[in-house]
Structures are given as C-alpha cells and as structure tokens.
C-alpha cells in the first residue's frame, strides 16, 4: 500500500483533517506536476504550481506543463 502524493489516500487524510472547510476553499500548493498538481486535481482541490523553487526552478514551465498536460489552476513564482 502506498501513502503519499499523488495517491488519493494522502489527500483524503488531509481533507478529513480540514473537514470544516469546504473543498472549494482548499488549495494544493506545490512545485511538482506529477505529485502535487496531479494529486490535488484528482482530489478535487484547486492547485497552484510554484516555479521559482524546487523541481521546476530554471526550467521552461510552459513546456513542462505541455508535455504531460497536467495543468495547474494557478502558477506563481513563489508564495
């Protein structure tokens, strides 16, 4: 059994801890498309990709998004 991003059980656990907050008010913020953004989208949570730090730092972000077609709701250099 796997537990972690992008698997749904990790997001289900987080959402259960935040059960008093509507899912529409949650935002998954991360620096990787295949774990943070994909997992958040699959869990029904809005997503924001951070680009100035982490996995995509210095890369062509648009090309990185276009290849796997994993599209975040928001993109920001940092939070």
N, C-alpha and C. Protein backbone atom coordinates (compact mmCIF):
# COMPACT_ATOMS: atom_id res chain seq x y z
N UNK A 1 0.85 -1.17 0.00
CA UNK A 1 0.00 0.00 0.00
C UNK A 1 0.90 1.24 0.00
N UNK A 2 0.59 2.15 -0.88
CA UNK A 2 1.32 3.41 -0.96
C UNK A 2 0.53 4.49 -0.25
N UNK A 3 1.23 5.39 0.41
CA UNK A 3 0.59 6.53 1.06
C UNK A 3 1.45 7.75 0.77
N UNK A 4 0.93 8.66 0.02
CA UNK A 4 1.66 9.87 -0.33
C UNK A 4 1.15 10.42 -1.64
N UNK A 5 1.64 11.58 -1.99
CA UNK A 5 1.21 12.22 -3.22
C UNK A 5 1.74 11.42 -4.40
N UNK A 6 1.00 11.24 -5.44
CA UNK A 6 -0.31 11.77 -5.78
C UNK A 6 -1.47 10.85 -5.40
N UNK A 7 -1.25 9.85 -4.58
CA UNK A 7 -2.30 8.88 -4.26
C UNK A 7 -3.40 9.50 -3.43
N UNK A 8 -4.62 9.08 -3.71
CA UNK A 8 -5.80 9.70 -3.11
C UNK A 8 -5.84 9.58 -1.60
N UNK A 9 -5.26 8.51 -1.03
CA UNK A 9 -5.36 8.36 0.42
C UNK A 9 -4.65 9.50 1.16
N UNK A 10 -3.59 10.05 0.60
CA UNK A 10 -2.90 11.17 1.23
C UNK A 10 -3.79 12.42 1.22
N UNK A 11 -4.46 12.64 0.13
CA UNK A 11 -5.34 13.80 0.02
C UNK A 11 -6.60 13.61 0.84
N UNK A 12 -7.10 12.38 0.89
CA UNK A 12 -8.27 12.09 1.73
C UNK A 12 -7.96 12.36 3.19
N UNK A 13 -6.76 11.97 3.64
CA UNK A 13 -6.36 12.20 5.03
C UNK A 13 -6.29 13.69 5.32
N UNK A 14 -5.72 14.45 4.41
CA UNK A 14 -5.62 15.90 4.61
C UNK A 14 -7.01 16.54 4.62
N UNK A 15 -7.87 16.13 3.70
CA UNK A 15 -9.22 16.69 3.64
C UNK A 15 -10.02 16.33 4.89
N UNK A 16 -9.79 15.15 5.46
CA UNK A 16 -10.52 14.78 6.68
C UNK A 16 -10.10 15.65 7.85
N UNK A 17 -8.84 16.05 7.89
CA UNK A 17 -8.36 16.96 8.95
C UNK A 17 -8.92 18.36 8.78
N UNK A 18 -9.30 18.70 7.55
CA UNK A 18 -9.82 20.03 7.24
C UNK A 18 -11.31 19.97 6.91
N UNK A 19 -12.01 19.03 7.48
CA UNK A 19 -13.39 18.76 7.10
C UNK A 19 -14.35 19.93 7.34
N UNK A 20 -13.96 20.86 8.20
CA UNK A 20 -14.81 22.03 8.44
C UNK A 20 -14.69 23.08 7.34
N UNK A 21 -13.73 22.88 6.44
CA UNK A 21 -13.50 23.83 5.34
C UNK A 21 -14.00 23.18 4.04
N UNK A 22 -14.86 23.86 3.29
CA UNK A 22 -15.32 23.29 2.02
C UNK A 22 -14.15 23.04 1.07
N UNK A 23 -14.20 21.94 0.33
CA UNK A 23 -13.14 21.61 -0.62
C UNK A 23 -12.90 22.75 -1.61
N UNK A 24 -13.94 23.48 -1.93
CA UNK A 24 -13.80 24.60 -2.87
C UNK A 24 -12.91 25.71 -2.33
N UNK A 25 -12.63 25.69 -1.02
CA UNK A 25 -11.78 26.72 -0.41
C UNK A 25 -10.36 26.22 -0.15
N UNK A 26 -10.05 25.00 -0.55
CA UNK A 26 -8.72 24.43 -0.35
C UNK A 26 -7.85 24.68 -1.58
N UNK A 27 -6.54 24.78 -1.36
CA UNK A 27 -5.59 24.98 -2.44
C UNK A 27 -4.37 24.11 -2.18
N UNK A 28 -4.04 23.24 -3.13
CA UNK A 28 -2.82 22.45 -3.06
C UNK A 28 -1.72 23.25 -3.72
N UNK A 29 -0.71 23.60 -2.94
CA UNK A 29 0.42 24.38 -3.44
C UNK A 29 1.64 23.46 -3.50
N UNK A 30 2.29 23.41 -4.63
CA UNK A 30 3.46 22.57 -4.75
C UNK A 30 4.33 22.92 -5.93
N UNK A 31 5.48 22.22 -6.01
CA UNK A 31 6.45 22.53 -7.06
C UNK A 31 6.61 21.41 -8.08
N UNK A 32 5.79 20.36 -7.98
CA UNK A 32 5.90 19.26 -8.94
C UNK A 32 4.56 18.98 -9.60
N UNK A 33 4.60 18.75 -10.89
CA UNK A 33 3.37 18.47 -11.63
C UNK A 33 2.83 17.08 -11.34
N UNK A 34 3.71 16.08 -11.27
CA UNK A 34 3.27 14.69 -11.19
C UNK A 34 2.88 14.24 -9.79
N UNK A 35 3.17 15.00 -8.77
CA UNK A 35 2.73 14.64 -7.42
C UNK A 35 1.77 15.69 -6.88
N UNK A 36 2.24 16.90 -6.73
CA UNK A 36 1.44 17.96 -6.12
C UNK A 36 0.23 18.35 -6.96
N UNK A 37 0.46 18.70 -8.20
CA UNK A 37 -0.63 19.21 -9.05
C UNK A 37 -1.56 18.07 -9.48
N UNK A 38 -1.03 16.97 -9.93
CA UNK A 38 -1.86 15.84 -10.35
C UNK A 38 -2.68 15.32 -9.17
N UNK A 39 -2.05 15.17 -8.03
CA UNK A 39 -2.77 14.68 -6.86
C UNK A 39 -3.87 15.62 -6.42
N UNK A 40 -3.58 16.91 -6.38
CA UNK A 40 -4.60 17.89 -6.00
C UNK A 40 -5.77 17.91 -6.95
N UNK A 41 -5.47 17.88 -8.23
CA UNK A 41 -6.56 17.88 -9.23
C UNK A 41 -7.42 16.63 -9.10
N UNK A 42 -6.78 15.47 -8.94
CA UNK A 42 -7.54 14.23 -8.80
C UNK A 42 -8.38 14.20 -7.53
N UNK A 43 -7.95 14.95 -6.51
CA UNK A 43 -8.70 15.01 -5.25
C UNK A 43 -9.78 16.08 -5.28
N UNK A 44 -9.89 16.81 -6.39
CA UNK A 44 -10.91 17.85 -6.49
C UNK A 44 -10.54 19.14 -5.79
N UNK A 45 -9.24 19.35 -5.61
CA UNK A 45 -8.73 20.54 -4.93
C UNK A 45 -8.08 21.45 -5.98
N UNK A 46 -8.29 22.75 -5.87
CA UNK A 46 -7.60 23.70 -6.75
C UNK A 46 -6.10 23.60 -6.50
N UNK A 47 -5.32 23.93 -7.53
CA UNK A 47 -3.87 23.76 -7.44
C UNK A 47 -3.12 25.02 -7.84
N UNK A 48 -1.95 25.20 -7.22
CA UNK A 48 -1.05 26.28 -7.60
C UNK A 48 0.36 25.72 -7.72
N UNK A 49 0.96 25.91 -8.88
CA UNK A 49 2.32 25.47 -9.14
C UNK A 49 3.29 26.60 -8.81
N UNK A 50 4.27 26.31 -7.96
CA UNK A 50 5.31 27.26 -7.59
C UNK A 50 6.52 26.96 -8.47
N UNK A 51 7.07 28.00 -9.12
CA UNK A 51 8.08 27.77 -10.15
C UNK A 51 9.49 28.27 -9.82
N UNK A 52 9.65 29.17 -8.88
CA UNK A 52 10.97 29.76 -8.62
C UNK A 52 11.83 28.90 -7.70
N UNK A 53 11.24 27.88 -7.11
CA UNK A 53 11.95 27.00 -6.19
C UNK A 53 11.59 25.56 -6.52
N UNK A 54 12.42 24.65 -6.16
CA UNK A 54 12.08 23.23 -6.29
C UNK A 54 12.28 22.65 -7.67
N UNK A 55 11.41 21.72 -8.02
CA UNK A 55 11.59 20.87 -9.20
C UNK A 55 11.66 21.62 -10.53
N UNK A 56 10.95 22.71 -10.66
CA UNK A 56 10.89 23.42 -11.95
C UNK A 56 11.76 24.67 -12.02
N UNK A 57 12.53 24.91 -10.99
CA UNK A 57 13.38 26.10 -10.96
C UNK A 57 14.30 26.13 -12.18
N UNK A 58 14.24 27.23 -12.92
CA UNK A 58 15.11 27.42 -14.08
C UNK A 58 14.65 26.72 -15.36
N UNK A 59 13.55 26.01 -15.31
CA UNK A 59 13.06 25.31 -16.50
C UNK A 59 11.98 26.11 -17.22
N UNK A 60 11.72 25.75 -18.45
CA UNK A 60 10.62 26.34 -19.21
C UNK A 60 9.32 25.73 -18.69
N UNK A 61 8.64 26.45 -17.83
CA UNK A 61 7.45 25.93 -17.14
C UNK A 61 6.35 25.57 -18.13
N UNK A 62 6.14 26.40 -19.14
CA UNK A 62 5.09 26.10 -20.12
C UNK A 62 5.36 24.79 -20.85
N UNK A 63 6.60 24.54 -21.20
CA UNK A 63 6.96 23.28 -21.86
C UNK A 63 6.77 22.10 -20.90
N UNK A 64 7.12 22.30 -19.65
CA UNK A 64 6.95 21.24 -18.66
C UNK A 64 5.47 20.90 -18.45
N UNK A 65 4.62 21.89 -18.52
CA UNK A 65 3.18 21.67 -18.37
C UNK A 65 2.60 21.04 -19.64
N UNK A 66 3.07 21.47 -20.81
CA UNK A 66 2.51 20.99 -22.07
C UNK A 66 2.80 19.51 -22.31
N UNK A 67 3.96 19.04 -21.92
CA UNK A 67 4.34 17.65 -22.21
C UNK A 67 3.38 16.64 -21.58
N UNK A 68 3.13 16.70 -20.26
CA UNK A 68 2.20 15.72 -19.68
C UNK A 68 0.75 16.20 -19.65
N UNK A 69 0.52 17.44 -20.04
CA UNK A 69 -0.81 18.05 -20.00
C UNK A 69 -1.41 18.02 -18.59
N UNK A 70 -0.57 18.26 -17.60
CA UNK A 70 -1.03 18.41 -16.21
C UNK A 70 -1.04 19.91 -15.96
N UNK A 71 -2.23 20.49 -15.90
CA UNK A 71 -2.37 21.93 -15.90
C UNK A 71 -2.86 22.42 -14.53
N UNK A 72 -2.03 23.23 -13.86
CA UNK A 72 -2.47 23.78 -12.57
C UNK A 72 -3.50 24.90 -12.77
N UNK A 73 -4.27 25.17 -11.72
CA UNK A 73 -5.22 26.27 -11.78
C UNK A 73 -4.51 27.62 -11.74
N UNK A 74 -3.42 27.68 -10.99
CA UNK A 74 -2.65 28.91 -10.83
C UNK A 74 -1.18 28.59 -10.93
N UNK A 75 -0.39 29.59 -11.37
CA UNK A 75 1.07 29.47 -11.42
C UNK A 75 1.63 30.72 -10.79
N UNK A 76 2.60 30.55 -9.90
CA UNK A 76 3.25 31.70 -9.25
C UNK A 76 4.72 31.35 -9.03
N UNK A 77 5.59 32.36 -9.07
CA UNK A 77 7.00 32.07 -8.83
C UNK A 77 7.25 31.60 -7.40
N UNK A 78 6.51 32.15 -6.45
CA UNK A 78 6.68 31.77 -5.04
C UNK A 78 5.44 32.18 -4.27
N UNK A 79 5.37 31.70 -3.03
CA UNK A 79 4.24 32.09 -2.18
C UNK A 79 4.70 32.99 -1.08
